[in-house]
Amino acid sequence: MTDKKHWISKLVPALAFAAGIIIASVGGIMTISSSMKLALFESEPYSYVTKEQCRFDYNKTASPDSLNYERTQKEIDECLLERKQEELERFQNNQKENIVDGVSALVVGGVLLLAFRRRK
């Protein structure tokens, strides 16, 4: 019975230490990747904001004699600026969330590494 207990008491810390290495590595990769994307890209590399998305205003109620929902060029330009700003904010917030997740994984992995490191 004590032999089995001794075997488990050696295996659990080794597995926790290995998990700490993996979690810390993934957290480091996520943090560095998100930080670099946030620093290097002004917006997401694949942004799909086009004029066609802003050409029609579907929220505007049409008069009974006219079904013209089409925006003017000035309204289209304003819509494009708003959409691009929204896209930029969404990208930045997404990258900040990824950085927080990466730092959290680094902390958890670091705690596991420190708690279950081999002592001689």
C-alpha atoms as a PDB file:
ATOM      1  CA  MET A   1       0.000   0.000   0.000  1.00  0.00           C
ATOM      2  CA  THR A   2       2.754   2.470   0.845  1.00  0.00           C
ATOM      3  CA  ASP A   3       4.546   1.524  -2.366  1.00  0.00           C
ATOM      4  CA  LYS A   4       1.496   2.565  -4.415  1.00  0.00           C
ATOM      5  CA  LYS A   5       1.159   5.791  -2.455  1.00  0.00           C
ATOM      6  CA  HIS A   6       4.842   6.544  -3.009  1.00  0.00           C
ATOM      7  CA  TRP A   7       4.421   5.998  -6.771  1.00  0.00           C
ATOM      8  CA  ILE A   8       1.422   8.388  -6.950  1.00  0.00           C
ATOM      9  CA  SER A   9       3.185  11.022  -4.861  1.00  0.00           C
ATOM     10  CA  LYS A  10       6.022  11.074  -7.415  1.00  0.00           C
ATOM     11  CA  LEU A  11       3.796  11.012 -10.523  1.00  0.00           C
ATOM     12  CA  VAL A  12       1.404  13.858  -9.618  1.00  0.00           C
ATOM     13  CA  PRO A  13       4.096  16.521  -9.102  1.00  0.00           C
ATOM     14  CA  ALA A  14       5.854  15.463 -12.308  1.00  0.00           C
ATOM     15  CA  LEU A  15       2.614  15.783 -14.274  1.00  0.00           C
ATOM     16  CA  ALA A  16       1.824  19.150 -12.661  1.00  0.00           C
ATOM     17  CA  PHE A  17       5.317  20.390 -13.526  1.00  0.00           C
ATOM     18  CA  ALA A  18       4.911  19.233 -17.145  1.00  0.00           C
ATOM     19  CA  ALA A  19       1.499  20.924 -17.332  1.00  0.00           C
ATOM     20  CA  GLY A  20       3.090  24.099 -15.966  1.00  0.00           C
ATOM     21  CA  ILE A  21       5.708  24.062 -18.716  1.00  0.00           C
ATOM     22  CA  ILE A  22       3.044  23.599 -21.401  1.00  0.00           C
ATOM     23  CA  ILE A  23       0.704  26.258 -19.998  1.00  0.00           C
ATOM     24  CA  ALA A  24       3.519  28.784 -19.545  1.00  0.00           C
ATOM     25  CA  SER A  25       4.764  28.131 -23.093  1.00  0.00           C
ATOM     26  CA  VAL A  26       1.327  28.615 -24.631  1.00  0.00           C
ATOM     27  CA  GLY A  27       0.788  31.745 -22.533  1.00  0.00           C
ATOM     28  CA  GLY A  28       4.110  33.185 -23.653  1.00  0.00           C
ATOM     29  CA  ILE A  29       3.345  32.501 -27.295  1.00  0.00           C
ATOM     30  CA  MET A  30      -0.129  34.076 -26.996  1.00  0.00           C
ATOM     31  CA  THR A  31       1.197  37.164 -25.220  1.00  0.00           C
ATOM     32  CA  ILE A  32       4.034  37.789 -27.669  1.00  0.00           C
ATOM     33  CA  SER A  33       1.849  37.116 -30.722  1.00  0.00           C
ATOM     34  CA  SER A  34      -0.969  39.402 -29.608  1.00  0.00           C
ATOM     35  CA  SER A  35       1.417  42.156 -28.533  1.00  0.00           C
ATOM     36  CA  MET A  36       3.184  42.084 -31.875  1.00  0.00           C
ATOM     37  CA  LYS A  37      -0.100  42.122 -33.827  1.00  0.00           C
ATOM     38  CA  LEU A  38      -1.347  45.051 -31.765  1.00  0.00           C
ATOM     39  CA  ALA A  39       1.903  46.947 -32.298  1.00  0.00           C
ATOM     40  CA  LEU A  40       2.381  46.184 -36.007  1.00  0.00           C
ATOM     41  CA  PHE A  41      -1.106  46.210 -37.499  1.00  0.00           C
ATOM     42  CA  GLU A  42      -3.339  49.269 -37.552  1.00  0.00           C
ATOM     43  CA  SER A  43      -6.342  47.023 -38.004  1.00  0.00           C
ATOM     44  CA  GLU A  44      -6.998  43.377 -38.604  1.00  0.00           C
ATOM     45  CA  PRO A  45      -4.966  42.133 -41.589  1.00  0.00           C
ATOM     46  CA  TYR A  46      -8.154  41.026 -43.363  1.00  0.00           C
ATOM     47  CA  SER A  47     -10.610  43.876 -43.042  1.00  0.00           C
ATOM     48  CA  TYR A  48     -13.809  43.579 -45.049  1.00  0.00           C
ATOM     49  CA  VAL A  49     -15.269  47.073 -44.775  1.00  0.00           C
ATOM     50  CA  THR A  50     -16.537  48.125 -48.206  1.00  0.00           C
ATOM     51  CA  LYS A  51     -18.697  50.876 -49.699  1.00  0.00           C
ATOM     52  CA  GLU A  52     -21.380  48.349 -50.569  1.00  0.00           C
ATOM     53  CA  GLN A  53     -22.033  47.759 -46.860  1.00  0.00           C
ATOM     54  CA  CYS A  54     -22.844  51.440 -46.421  1.00  0.00           C
ATOM     55  CA  ARG A  55     -24.679  52.136 -49.689  1.00  0.00           C
ATOM     56  CA  PHE A  56     -28.178  51.463 -48.346  1.00  0.00           C
ATOM     57  CA  ASP A  57     -29.730  52.559 -45.056  1.00  0.00           C
ATOM     58  CA  TYR A  58     -32.149  49.861 -44.004  1.00  0.00           C
ATOM     59  CA  ASN A  59     -33.004  51.612 -40.744  1.00  0.00           C
ATOM     60  CA  LYS A  60     -34.498  54.612 -42.529  1.00  0.00           C
ATOM     61  CA  THR A  61     -38.228  54.503 -43.023  1.00  0.00           C
ATOM     62  CA  ALA A  62     -39.198  55.200 -46.612  1.00  0.00           C
ATOM     63  CA  SER A  63     -42.037  57.408 -47.636  1.00  0.00           C
ATOM     64  CA  PRO A  64     -44.982  55.555 -49.165  1.00  0.00           C
ATOM     65  CA  ASP A  65     -44.336  56.904 -52.656  1.00  0.00           C
ATOM     66  CA  SER A  66     -40.580  56.249 -52.621  1.00  0.00           C
ATOM     67  CA  LEU A  67     -38.606  53.142 -51.734  1.00  0.00           C
ATOM     68  CA  ASN A  68     -35.258  54.907 -51.993  1.00  0.00           C
ATOM     69  CA  TYR A  69     -33.056  53.758 -49.116  1.00  0.00           C
ATOM     70  CA  GLU A  70     -29.849  54.736 -50.851  1.00  0.00           C
ATOM     71  CA  ARG A  71     -27.488  57.030 -48.953  1.00  0.00           C
ATOM     72  CA  THR A  72     -25.748  60.081 -50.300  1.00  0.00           C
ATOM     73  CA  GLN A  73     -22.001  60.029 -50.932  1.00  0.00           C
ATOM     74  CA  LYS A  74     -21.406  62.050 -47.762  1.00  0.00           C
ATOM     75  CA  GLU A  75     -23.444  59.564 -45.706  1.00  0.00           C
ATOM     76  CA  ILE A  76     -21.562  56.666 -47.307  1.00  0.00           C
ATOM     77  CA  ASP A  77     -18.209  58.252 -46.397  1.00  0.00           C
ATOM     78  CA  GLU A  78     -19.358  58.842 -42.801  1.00  0.00           C
ATOM     79  CA  CYS A  79     -20.587  55.250 -42.586  1.00  0.00           C
ATOM     80  CA  LEU A  80     -17.256  53.953 -43.917  1.00  0.00           C
ATOM     81  CA  LEU A  81     -15.336  55.947 -41.304  1.00  0.00           C
ATOM     82  CA  GLU A  82     -17.619  54.640 -38.540  1.00  0.00           C
ATOM     83  CA  ARG A  83     -17.299  51.039 -39.734  1.00  0.00           C
ATOM     84  CA  LYS A  84     -13.501  51.266 -40.000  1.00  0.00           C
ATOM     85  CA  GLN A  85     -13.305  52.789 -36.503  1.00  0.00           C
ATOM     86  CA  GLU A  86     -15.539  50.006 -35.152  1.00  0.00           C
ATOM     87  CA  GLU A  87     -13.331  47.408 -36.872  1.00  0.00           C
ATOM     88  CA  LEU A  88     -10.192  48.945 -35.385  1.00  0.00           C
ATOM     89  CA  GLU A  89     -11.686  49.023 -31.879  1.00  0.00           C
ATOM     90  CA  ARG A  90     -12.904  45.420 -32.226  1.00  0.00           C
ATOM     91  CA  PHE A  91      -9.450  44.285 -33.372  1.00  0.00           C
ATOM     92  CA  GLN A  92      -7.684  46.134 -30.553  1.00  0.00           C
ATOM     93  CA  ASN A  93     -10.091  44.817 -27.909  1.00  0.00           C
ATOM     94  CA  ASN A  94      -9.730  41.273 -29.234  1.00  0.00           C
ATOM     95  CA  GLN A  95      -5.932  41.503 -29.085  1.00  0.00           C
ATOM     96  CA  LYS A  96      -6.051  42.966 -25.566  1.00  0.00           C
ATOM     97  CA  GLU A  97      -8.244  40.049 -24.482  1.00  0.00           C
ATOM     98  CA  ASN A  98      -5.710  37.649 -26.018  1.00  0.00           C
ATOM     99  CA  ILE A  99      -2.877  39.387 -24.139  1.00  0.00           C
ATOM    100  CA  VAL A 100      -4.809  39.057 -20.870  1.00  0.00           C
ATOM    101  CA  ASP A 101      -5.423  35.359 -21.591  1.00  0.00           C
ATOM    102  CA  GLY A 102      -1.729  34.866 -22.384  1.00  0.00           C
ATOM    103  CA  VAL A 103      -0.565  36.612 -19.224  1.00  0.00           C
ATOM    104  CA  SER A 104      -3.044  34.575 -17.191  1.00  0.00           C
ATOM    105  CA  ALA A 105      -1.654  31.362 -18.687  1.00  0.00           C
ATOM    106  CA  LEU A 106       1.885  32.555 -17.929  1.00  0.00           C
ATOM    107  CA  VAL A 107       0.957  33.188 -14.304  1.00  0.00           C
ATOM    108  CA  VAL A 108      -0.791  29.841 -13.878  1.00  0.00           C
ATOM    109  CA  GLY A 109       2.060  27.991 -15.607  1.00  0.00           C
ATOM    110  CA  GLY A 110       4.612  29.865 -13.514  1.00  0.00           C
ATOM    111  CA  VAL A 111       2.831  28.947 -10.298  1.00  0.00           C
ATOM    112  CA  LEU A 112       2.746  25.279 -11.318  1.00  0.00           C
ATOM    113  CA  LEU A 113       6.434  25.410 -12.237  1.00  0.00           C
ATOM    114  CA  LEU A 114       7.399  26.960  -8.919  1.00  0.00           C
ATOM    115  CA  ALA A 115       5.135  24.760  -6.823  1.00  0.00           C
ATOM    116  CA  PHE A 116       6.172  21.450  -8.387  1.00  0.00           C
ATOM    117  CA  ARG A 117       9.783  21.984  -9.378  1.00  0.00           C
ATOM    118  CA  ARG A 118      12.177  19.274  -8.349  1.00  0.00           C
ATOM    119  CA  ARG A 119      14.054  20.030  -5.199  1.00  0.00           C
ATOM    120  CA  LYS A 120      17.373  18.398  -4.532  1.00  0.00           C
END
